[in-house]
Amino acid sequence: MSDLIRGFARDEHGEGLIEYGMLAAFVASLAFATLLLDPLHIRGSVVRAFNKAVNALLLICQGDLDQR
């Protein structure tokens, strides 16, 4: 049993994957915190871009409805 535990403790397979996962989680948490705190006023730009896209889609849909 102790050999099994020693072997498990020495096994380094998957270690790189865990490190990449931790790095991805760190970057995601920084991006999330930046959007929440909004020091660069990103939120307004994102909202404006989203509204532009929605309005463009609405215009396209209305054009399709008018042609029917």
N, C-alpha and C. Protein backbone atom coordinates (compact mmCIF):
# COMPACT_ATOMS: atom_id res chain seq x y z
N MET A 1 0.82 -1.20 0.00
CA MET A 1 0.00 0.00 0.00
C MET A 1 0.86 1.27 0.00
N SER A 2 1.93 1.23 0.79
CA SER A 2 2.80 2.41 0.86
C SER A 2 3.51 2.64 -0.48
N ASP A 3 3.81 1.55 -1.22
CA ASP A 3 4.42 1.72 -2.55
C ASP A 3 3.45 2.42 -3.50
N LEU A 4 2.18 2.11 -3.38
CA LEU A 4 1.16 2.73 -4.22
C LEU A 4 1.07 4.23 -3.93
N ILE A 5 1.11 4.60 -2.68
CA ILE A 5 1.04 6.02 -2.30
C ILE A 5 2.30 6.75 -2.75
N ARG A 6 3.47 6.12 -2.59
CA ARG A 6 4.71 6.75 -3.04
C ARG A 6 4.70 6.94 -4.56
N GLY A 7 4.23 5.92 -5.27
CA GLY A 7 4.15 6.02 -6.73
C GLY A 7 3.21 7.12 -7.17
N PHE A 8 2.08 7.24 -6.47
CA PHE A 8 1.12 8.30 -6.80
C PHE A 8 1.71 9.68 -6.53
N ALA A 9 2.47 9.83 -5.45
CA ALA A 9 3.07 11.11 -5.10
C ALA A 9 4.16 11.50 -6.10
N ARG A 10 4.85 10.51 -6.66
CA ARG A 10 5.93 10.80 -7.60
C ARG A 10 5.45 10.96 -9.04
N ASP A 11 4.24 10.53 -9.32
CA ASP A 11 3.71 10.58 -10.68
C ASP A 11 3.45 12.03 -11.09
N GLU A 12 4.03 12.45 -12.21
CA GLU A 12 3.89 13.84 -12.66
C GLU A 12 3.03 13.96 -13.91
N HIS A 13 2.33 12.91 -14.31
CA HIS A 13 1.46 12.96 -15.49
C HIS A 13 0.28 13.88 -15.19
N GLY A 14 -0.03 14.75 -16.11
CA GLY A 14 -1.16 15.66 -15.94
C GLY A 14 -0.83 16.93 -15.18
N GLU A 15 0.40 17.05 -14.73
CA GLU A 15 0.79 18.24 -13.97
C GLU A 15 0.73 19.50 -14.83
N GLY A 16 1.16 19.39 -16.09
CA GLY A 16 1.12 20.54 -17.00
C GLY A 16 -0.31 20.98 -17.27
N LEU A 17 -1.22 20.00 -17.41
CA LEU A 17 -2.62 20.32 -17.65
C LEU A 17 -3.22 21.09 -16.48
N ILE A 18 -2.87 20.70 -15.28
CA ILE A 18 -3.37 21.41 -14.10
C ILE A 18 -2.83 22.84 -14.07
N GLU A 19 -1.57 23.00 -14.43
CA GLU A 19 -0.98 24.34 -14.43
C GLU A 19 -1.66 25.23 -15.48
N TYR A 20 -1.94 24.68 -16.66
CA TYR A 20 -2.64 25.45 -17.68
C TYR A 20 -4.06 25.79 -17.23
N GLY A 21 -4.70 24.87 -16.55
CA GLY A 21 -6.04 25.13 -16.02
C GLY A 21 -6.03 26.24 -14.98
N MET A 22 -5.03 26.22 -14.12
CA MET A 22 -4.92 27.27 -13.10
C MET A 22 -4.63 28.62 -13.76
N LEU A 23 -3.80 28.62 -14.79
CA LEU A 23 -3.49 29.86 -15.51
C LEU A 23 -4.73 30.41 -16.20
N ALA A 24 -5.51 29.52 -16.83
CA ALA A 24 -6.74 29.95 -17.50
C ALA A 24 -7.74 30.51 -16.49
N ALA A 25 -7.85 29.87 -15.33
CA ALA A 25 -8.75 30.37 -14.29
C ALA A 25 -8.30 31.74 -13.78
N PHE A 26 -7.00 31.93 -13.65
CA PHE A 26 -6.46 33.22 -13.20
C PHE A 26 -6.77 34.33 -14.21
N VAL A 27 -6.53 34.04 -15.49
CA VAL A 27 -6.80 35.03 -16.53
C VAL A 27 -8.29 35.35 -16.59
N ALA A 28 -9.13 34.33 -16.48
CA ALA A 28 -10.57 34.55 -16.50
C ALA A 28 -11.02 35.39 -15.31
N SER A 29 -10.45 35.14 -14.15
CA SER A 29 -10.83 35.92 -12.97
C SER A 29 -10.38 37.38 -13.10
N LEU A 30 -9.22 37.61 -13.70
CA LEU A 30 -8.77 38.98 -13.93
C LEU A 30 -9.68 39.70 -14.93
N ALA A 31 -10.06 39.00 -15.99
CA ALA A 31 -10.96 39.60 -16.98
C ALA A 31 -12.31 39.92 -16.35
N PHE A 32 -12.83 39.01 -15.53
CA PHE A 32 -14.11 39.23 -14.87
C PHE A 32 -14.04 40.41 -13.91
N ALA A 33 -12.95 40.48 -13.13
CA ALA A 33 -12.79 41.59 -12.19
C ALA A 33 -12.66 42.92 -12.92
N THR A 34 -11.97 42.91 -14.05
CA THR A 34 -11.82 44.14 -14.84
C THR A 34 -13.17 44.61 -15.36
N LEU A 35 -13.98 43.68 -15.82
CA LEU A 35 -15.31 44.07 -16.31
C LEU A 35 -16.20 44.56 -15.18
N LEU A 36 -16.07 43.96 -14.00
CA LEU A 36 -16.89 44.40 -12.87
C LEU A 36 -16.48 45.78 -12.36
N LEU A 37 -15.18 45.99 -12.23
CA LEU A 37 -14.69 47.28 -11.72
C LEU A 37 -14.73 48.35 -12.79
N ASP A 38 -14.58 47.96 -14.05
CA ASP A 38 -14.69 48.83 -15.22
C ASP A 38 -13.81 50.08 -15.13
N PRO A 39 -12.49 49.90 -14.89
CA PRO A 39 -11.63 51.08 -14.80
C PRO A 39 -11.40 51.75 -16.16
N LEU A 40 -11.57 51.03 -17.24
CA LEU A 40 -11.34 51.58 -18.57
C LEU A 40 -12.64 51.94 -19.28
N HIS A 41 -13.75 51.88 -18.57
CA HIS A 41 -15.07 52.17 -19.12
C HIS A 41 -15.38 51.28 -20.32
N ILE A 42 -15.06 50.01 -20.16
CA ILE A 42 -15.29 49.02 -21.21
C ILE A 42 -16.78 48.70 -21.32
N ARG A 43 -17.47 48.70 -20.20
CA ARG A 43 -18.87 48.29 -20.17
C ARG A 43 -19.71 49.12 -21.15
N GLY A 44 -19.51 50.42 -21.19
CA GLY A 44 -20.28 51.27 -22.09
C GLY A 44 -20.02 50.93 -23.56
N SER A 45 -18.78 50.64 -23.88
CA SER A 45 -18.44 50.27 -25.26
C SER A 45 -19.08 48.94 -25.65
N VAL A 46 -19.06 48.00 -24.73
CA VAL A 46 -19.66 46.69 -25.01
C VAL A 46 -21.17 46.83 -25.18
N VAL A 47 -21.80 47.62 -24.34
CA VAL A 47 -23.25 47.82 -24.43
C VAL A 47 -23.61 48.50 -25.75
N ARG A 48 -22.84 49.51 -26.13
CA ARG A 48 -23.11 50.20 -27.39
C ARG A 48 -22.94 49.26 -28.59
N ALA A 49 -21.90 48.45 -28.57
CA ALA A 49 -21.68 47.51 -29.67
C ALA A 49 -22.80 46.48 -29.73
N PHE A 50 -23.24 46.01 -28.57
CA PHE A 50 -24.35 45.05 -28.53
C PHE A 50 -25.63 45.68 -29.07
N ASN A 51 -25.91 46.91 -28.66
CA ASN A 51 -27.12 47.59 -29.13
C ASN A 51 -27.07 47.83 -30.64
N LYS A 52 -25.89 48.16 -31.17
CA LYS A 52 -25.75 48.33 -32.62
C LYS A 52 -26.06 47.03 -33.35
N ALA A 53 -25.56 45.93 -32.81
CA ALA A 53 -25.80 44.62 -33.43
C ALA A 53 -27.28 44.27 -33.38
N VAL A 54 -27.91 44.52 -32.25
CA VAL A 54 -29.34 44.22 -32.11
C VAL A 54 -30.16 45.07 -33.08
N ASN A 55 -29.84 46.35 -33.17
CA ASN A 55 -30.57 47.23 -34.09
C ASN A 55 -30.37 46.80 -35.54
N ALA A 56 -29.17 46.40 -35.90
CA ALA A 56 -28.92 45.94 -37.27
C ALA A 56 -29.72 44.67 -37.57
N LEU A 57 -29.78 43.76 -36.62
CA LEU A 57 -30.57 42.54 -36.81
C LEU A 57 -32.06 42.86 -36.91
N LEU A 58 -32.52 43.81 -36.10
CA LEU A 58 -33.93 44.19 -36.17
C LEU A 58 -34.27 44.80 -37.52
N LEU A 59 -33.38 45.65 -38.04
CA LEU A 59 -33.60 46.25 -39.35
C LEU A 59 -33.64 45.18 -40.45
N ILE A 60 -32.75 44.21 -40.34
CA ILE A 60 -32.75 43.12 -41.32
C ILE A 60 -34.04 42.33 -41.24
N CYS A 61 -34.48 42.02 -40.03
CA CYS A 61 -35.73 41.25 -39.88
C CYS A 61 -36.93 42.06 -40.37
N GLN A 62 -36.95 43.34 -40.10
CA GLN A 62 -38.07 44.16 -40.57
C GLN A 62 -38.07 44.25 -42.08
N GLY A 63 -36.91 44.30 -42.69
CA GLY A 63 -36.83 44.32 -44.16
C GLY A 63 -37.38 43.03 -44.74
N ASP A 64 -37.08 41.92 -44.09
CA ASP A 64 -37.61 40.63 -44.57
C ASP A 64 -39.12 40.57 -44.41
N LEU A 65 -39.64 41.14 -43.33
CA LEU A 65 -41.09 41.11 -43.12
C LEU A 65 -41.81 42.01 -44.08
N ASP A 66 -41.18 43.15 -44.45
CA ASP A 66 -41.81 44.08 -45.37
C ASP A 66 -41.89 43.50 -46.79
N GLN A 67 -40.97 42.63 -47.14
CA GLN A 67 -40.94 42.08 -48.48
C GLN A 67 -41.95 40.95 -48.65
N ARG A 68 -42.47 40.39 -47.57
CA ARG A 68 -43.43 39.27 -47.67
C ARG A 68 -44.79 39.74 -47.99
